[in-house]
C-alpha atoms as a PDB file:
ATOM      1  CA  MET A   1       2.187  38.403  18.056  1.00  0.00           C
ATOM      2  CA  LYS A   2       4.077  35.420  19.519  1.00  0.00           C
ATOM      3  CA  THR A   3       0.868  33.729  21.014  1.00  0.00           C
ATOM      4  CA  PHE A   4      -0.823  34.249  17.802  1.00  0.00           C
ATOM      5  CA  LEU A   5       2.055  32.611  15.794  1.00  0.00           C
ATOM      6  CA  LYS A   6       2.157  29.843  18.147  1.00  0.00           C
ATOM      7  CA  ILE A   7      -1.687  29.288  18.062  1.00  0.00           C
ATOM      8  CA  ILE A   8      -1.542  28.944  14.038  1.00  0.00           C
ATOM      9  CA  VAL A   9       1.567  26.590  14.323  1.00  0.00           C
ATOM     10  CA  SER A  10      -0.480  24.644  16.827  1.00  0.00           C
ATOM     11  CA  ILE A  11      -3.451  24.401  14.497  1.00  0.00           C
ATOM     12  CA  ILE A  12      -1.240  23.533  11.458  1.00  0.00           C
ATOM     13  CA  ILE A  13       0.540  20.804  13.426  1.00  0.00           C
ATOM     14  CA  THR A  14      -2.899  19.235  14.695  1.00  0.00           C
ATOM     15  CA  VAL A  15      -4.478  19.446  11.294  1.00  0.00           C
ATOM     16  CA  TYR A  16      -1.492  17.564   9.806  1.00  0.00           C
ATOM     17  CA  ALA A  17      -1.399  14.948  12.583  1.00  0.00           C
ATOM     18  CA  ALA A  18      -5.121  14.374  12.050  1.00  0.00           C
ATOM     19  CA  TRP A  19      -4.756  14.051   8.249  1.00  0.00           C
ATOM     20  CA  SER A  20      -1.949  11.555   8.713  1.00  0.00           C
ATOM     21  CA  LEU A  21      -4.015   9.701  11.050  1.00  0.00           C
ATOM     22  CA  PHE A  22      -7.166   9.660   8.803  1.00  0.00           C
ATOM     23  CA  GLN A  23      -5.005   8.444   5.842  1.00  0.00           C
ATOM     24  CA  TYR A  24      -3.313   5.632   7.844  1.00  0.00           C
ATOM     25  CA  ASN A  25      -6.501   4.428   9.137  1.00  0.00           C
ATOM     26  CA  SER A  26      -8.216   4.572   5.655  1.00  0.00           C
ATOM     27  CA  TYR A  27      -5.355   2.846   3.650  1.00  0.00           C
ATOM     28  CA  SER A  28      -4.505   0.250   6.488  1.00  0.00           C
ATOM     29  CA  GLY A  29      -8.124  -0.656   6.454  1.00  0.00           C
ATOM     30  CA  ILE A  30      -7.610  -1.840   2.762  1.00  0.00           C
ATOM     31  CA  ILE A  31      -4.764  -4.312   3.734  1.00  0.00           C
ATOM     32  CA  PRO A  32      -6.179  -7.862   4.700  1.00  0.00           C
ATOM     33  CA  ALA A  33      -5.911  -8.387   8.376  1.00  0.00           C
ATOM     34  CA  LYS A  34      -3.749 -11.508   8.196  1.00  0.00           C
ATOM     35  CA  ILE A  35      -1.136  -9.313   6.349  1.00  0.00           C
ATOM     36  CA  GLY A  36       0.501  -7.711   9.596  1.00  0.00           C
ATOM     37  CA  ILE A  37       1.659  -4.019   9.044  1.00  0.00           C
ATOM     38  CA  THR A  38       3.628  -1.868  11.598  1.00  0.00           C
ATOM     39  CA  TYR A  39       3.617   1.678  10.100  1.00  0.00           C
ATOM     40  CA  ALA A  40       3.326   3.460   7.034  1.00  0.00           C
ATOM     41  CA  ILE A  41       6.531   4.210   4.996  1.00  0.00           C
ATOM     42  CA  HIS A  42       4.748   6.412   2.371  1.00  0.00           C
ATOM     43  CA  ILE A  43       1.110   7.679   1.580  1.00  0.00           C
ATOM     44  CA  GLY A  44       0.693   9.805  -1.664  1.00  0.00           C
ATOM     45  CA  GLY A  45      -0.952  10.365  -4.725  1.00  0.00           C
ATOM     46  CA  LYS A  46      -2.989  12.780  -6.859  1.00  0.00           C
ATOM     47  CA  THR A  47      -6.562  13.467  -6.526  1.00  0.00           C
ATOM     48  CA  GLY A  48      -8.928  14.938  -9.187  1.00  0.00           C
ATOM     49  CA  PHE A  49     -12.617  15.921  -8.825  1.00  0.00           C
ATOM     50  CA  ARG A  50     -14.004  12.461  -8.491  1.00  0.00           C
ATOM     51  CA  GLU A  51     -10.994  10.247  -9.330  1.00  0.00           C
ATOM     52  CA  GLY A  52      -7.213   9.801  -8.092  1.00  0.00           C
ATOM     53  CA  CYS A  53      -4.254   7.463  -8.089  1.00  0.00           C
ATOM     54  CA  GLY A  54      -1.600   6.873  -5.496  1.00  0.00           C
ATOM     55  CA  ALA A  55       0.021   4.544  -3.029  1.00  0.00           C
ATOM     56  CA  ALA A  56       0.193   3.488   0.544  1.00  0.00           C
ATOM     57  CA  ILE A  57       3.338   1.679   1.380  1.00  0.00           C
ATOM     58  CA  PHE A  58       3.449  -0.133   4.663  1.00  0.00           C
ATOM     59  CA  ARG A  59       6.239  -1.877   6.877  1.00  0.00           C
ATOM     60  CA  LEU A  60       5.293  -5.660   6.722  1.00  0.00           C
ATOM     61  CA  SER A  61       5.649  -6.988  10.173  1.00  0.00           C
ATOM     62  CA  ASN A  62       8.370  -9.521  11.046  1.00  0.00           C
ATOM     63  CA  ALA A  63       6.030 -12.266  12.140  1.00  0.00           C
ATOM     64  CA  THR A  64       4.168 -11.919   8.642  1.00  0.00           C
ATOM     65  CA  ALA A  65       7.382 -11.839   6.721  1.00  0.00           C
ATOM     66  CA  ASP A  66       8.522 -15.029   8.471  1.00  0.00           C
ATOM     67  CA  ALA A  67       5.326 -16.729   8.107  1.00  0.00           C
ATOM     68  CA  ILE A  68       5.491 -15.815   4.183  1.00  0.00           C
ATOM     69  CA  ASP A  69       8.845 -17.260   4.141  1.00  0.00           C
ATOM     70  CA  ARG A  70       7.865 -20.474   5.556  1.00  0.00           C
ATOM     71  CA  GLU A  71       4.672 -20.859   3.505  1.00  0.00           C
ATOM     72  CA  GLY A  72       5.135 -19.105   0.388  1.00  0.00           C
ATOM     73  CA  LEU A  73       1.957 -18.666  -1.780  1.00  0.00           C
ATOM     74  CA  ASN A  74      -0.109 -21.034   0.602  1.00  0.00           C
ATOM     75  CA  PHE A  75       0.101 -18.040   3.239  1.00  0.00           C
ATOM     76  CA  PHE A  76      -2.366 -16.170   1.247  1.00  0.00           C
ATOM     77  CA  ASN A  77      -4.953 -18.993   0.702  1.00  0.00           C
ATOM     78  CA  ASP A  78      -7.500 -17.369   3.011  1.00  0.00           C
ATOM     79  CA  VAL A  79      -6.394 -13.492   2.474  1.00  0.00           C
ATOM     80  CA  ILE A  80      -9.344 -12.568   0.893  1.00  0.00           C
ATOM     81  CA  TYR A  81     -11.030  -9.616   2.537  1.00  0.00           C
ATOM     82  CA  SER A  82      -9.727  -6.261   3.819  1.00  0.00           C
ATOM     83  CA  ARG A  83      -9.511  -5.208   7.435  1.00  0.00           C
ATOM     84  CA  LYS A  84     -12.249  -2.737   6.711  1.00  0.00           C
ATOM     85  CA  SER A  85     -15.050  -4.809   5.078  1.00  0.00           C
ATOM     86  CA  LYS A  86     -16.169  -8.069   3.201  1.00  0.00           C
ATOM     87  CA  GLU A  87     -18.102  -6.263   0.700  1.00  0.00           C
ATOM     88  CA  ARG A  88     -17.305  -7.309  -2.983  1.00  0.00           C
ATOM     89  CA  TYR A  89     -15.358  -3.831  -3.260  1.00  0.00           C
ATOM     90  CA  TYR A  90     -12.834  -4.880  -0.815  1.00  0.00           C
ATOM     91  CA  THR A  91     -12.439  -8.750  -1.811  1.00  0.00           C
ATOM     92  CA  TYR A  92      -9.333  -9.577  -3.261  1.00  0.00           C
ATOM     93  CA  SER A  93      -8.783 -11.782  -6.186  1.00  0.00           C
ATOM     94  CA  SER A  94      -6.643 -15.000  -5.990  1.00  0.00           C
ATOM     95  CA  TRP A  95      -3.079 -14.244  -5.107  1.00  0.00           C
ATOM     96  CA  LYS A  96      -0.185 -15.070  -7.130  1.00  0.00           C
ATOM     97  CA  GLU A  97       3.512 -15.013  -7.025  1.00  0.00           C
ATOM     98  CA  THR A  98       5.585 -12.361  -8.931  1.00  0.00           C
ATOM     99  CA  PRO A  99       6.625 -11.301 -11.467  1.00  0.00           C
ATOM    100  CA  VAL A 100       3.385  -9.009 -11.859  1.00  0.00           C
ATOM    101  CA  PRO A 101       1.701  -9.305 -15.506  1.00  0.00           C
ATOM    102  CA  ASP A 102       3.474  -7.175 -18.096  1.00  0.00           C
ATOM    103  CA  SER A 103       0.362  -4.912 -18.230  1.00  0.00           C
ATOM    104  CA  TRP A 104       1.496  -3.618 -14.815  1.00  0.00           C
ATOM    105  CA  THR A 105       4.820  -2.311 -15.855  1.00  0.00           C
ATOM    106  CA  SER A 106       4.371  -1.866 -19.479  1.00  0.00           C
ATOM    107  CA  GLU A 107       4.769   1.948 -18.945  1.00  0.00           C
ATOM    108  CA  GLY A 108       7.417   1.637 -16.458  1.00  0.00           C
ATOM    109  CA  SER A 109       5.348   1.451 -13.403  1.00  0.00           C
ATOM    110  CA  TRP A 110       1.638   0.777 -13.016  1.00  0.00           C
ATOM    111  CA  PRO A 111      -0.655   3.894 -12.589  1.00  0.00           C
ATOM    112  CA  GLY A 112      -1.180   3.908  -8.940  1.00  0.00           C
ATOM    113  CA  LEU A 113       2.470   3.616  -8.265  1.00  0.00           C
ATOM    114  CA  GLY A 114       3.496   5.909 -10.874  1.00  0.00           C
ATOM    115  CA  CYS A 115       1.517   8.987  -9.399  1.00  0.00           C
ATOM    116  CA  SER A 116       2.257   8.128  -5.689  1.00  0.00           C
ATOM    117  CA  GLY A 117       5.274  10.521  -5.209  1.00  0.00           C
ATOM    118  CA  ALA A 118       7.358   7.882  -3.449  1.00  0.00           C
ATOM    119  CA  SER A 119      11.120   8.377  -3.790  1.00  0.00           C
ATOM    120  CA  SER A 120      12.820   7.198  -6.957  1.00  0.00           C
ATOM    121  CA  SER A 121      14.875   4.691  -4.606  1.00  0.00           C
ATOM    122  CA  LEU A 122      11.724   3.211  -3.131  1.00  0.00           C
ATOM    123  CA  LEU A 123      10.105   2.927  -6.454  1.00  0.00           C
ATOM    124  CA  SER A 124      13.104   0.998  -7.836  1.00  0.00           C
ATOM    125  CA  LYS A 125      13.118  -1.254  -4.958  1.00  0.00           C
ATOM    126  CA  ILE A 126       9.469  -2.078  -5.628  1.00  0.00           C
ATOM    127  CA  LEU A 127       9.553  -2.573  -9.401  1.00  0.00           C
ATOM    128  CA  VAL A 128      12.590  -4.892  -8.983  1.00  0.00           C
ATOM    129  CA  ALA A 129      10.714  -6.973  -6.829  1.00  0.00           C
ATOM    130  CA  ALA A 130       7.715  -6.923  -8.920  1.00  0.00           C
ATOM    131  CA  SER A 131       9.685  -8.242 -11.748  1.00  0.00           C
ATOM    132  CA  LYS A 132      11.020 -11.486 -10.214  1.00  0.00           C
ATOM    133  CA  LYS A 133       9.937 -14.330  -8.212  1.00  0.00           C
ATOM    134  CA  GLY A 134       9.632 -14.143  -4.236  1.00  0.00           C
ATOM    135  CA  SER A 135       6.767 -11.484  -3.820  1.00  0.00           C
ATOM    136  CA  TYR A 136       2.954 -11.984  -4.052  1.00  0.00           C
ATOM    137  CA  TYR A 137       0.359  -9.774  -5.644  1.00  0.00           C
ATOM    138  CA  SER A 138      -3.459  -9.449  -5.993  1.00  0.00           C
ATOM    139  CA  SER A 139      -6.214  -6.978  -6.892  1.00  0.00           C
ATOM    140  CA  ILE A 140      -9.475  -5.516  -5.893  1.00  0.00           C
ATOM    141  CA  ASP A 141     -11.597  -3.122  -7.576  1.00  0.00           C
ATOM    142  CA  GLU A 142      -9.531   0.045  -8.695  1.00  0.00           C
ATOM    143  CA  GLY A 143      -6.515  -1.454  -6.783  1.00  0.00           C
ATOM    144  CA  GLU A 144      -3.524  -3.629  -6.584  1.00  0.00           C
ATOM    145  CA  ILE A 145      -1.318  -4.908  -3.769  1.00  0.00           C
ATOM    146  CA  LEU A 146       1.966  -6.241  -3.820  1.00  0.00           C
ATOM    147  CA  VAL A 147       3.682  -8.073  -0.986  1.00  0.00           C
ATOM    148  CA  ILE A 148       7.418  -7.990  -0.730  1.00  0.00           C
ATOM    149  CA  PRO A 149       8.688 -10.182   2.040  1.00  0.00           C
ATOM    150  CA  ASN A 150      12.441  -9.768   1.350  1.00  0.00           C
ATOM    151  CA  HIS A 151      12.095  -5.993   1.711  1.00  0.00           C
ATOM    152  CA  LYS A 152       9.218  -6.099   4.620  1.00  0.00           C
ATOM    153  CA  LEU A 153       7.001  -4.004   2.244  1.00  0.00           C
ATOM    154  CA  VAL A 154       3.158  -3.987   1.523  1.00  0.00           C
ATOM    155  CA  VAL A 155       2.454  -1.793  -1.348  1.00  0.00           C
ATOM    156  CA  PHE A 156      -1.353  -0.863  -1.997  1.00  0.00           C
ATOM    157  CA  THR A 157      -1.795   1.158  -5.005  1.00  0.00           C
ATOM    158  CA  TYR A 158      -5.249   2.658  -6.526  1.00  0.00           C
ATOM    159  CA  PHE A 159      -6.363   4.121  -9.561  1.00  0.00           C
ATOM    160  CA  GLY A 160      -9.896   5.266 -10.400  1.00  0.00           C
END
């Protein structure tokens, strides 16, 4: 019986680790390569039959945070494509400095962030940064990205 239980636990751990790695690779591939990330802080959301919403929140690398501090919005001049692809679907619009548009926060938080399942303290930190100068944002089809150098966060949200 103990051997059977060990096998079941090992299978569960293996499936969880494989799923976590799959999620990290999928979402980190959407982040542009110039934006250095180190690890995932939170990946979560809700999925329906064909649609879903959620967020992948990564730690911004020190080197990237320093470069953004030096260059400001100019850092993002050539940050157009995701790591994954140069297809139109993965091509970012022009980057802008925060605050984000009112349409993002008119209901408290934007759709992908609201259904992410992230902790209230992390959501609060993101929403405060999104509402004042000093962070940068862009969009792709069905997604938004917010880079918060002060907190070393990269927040990718999706809805659709």
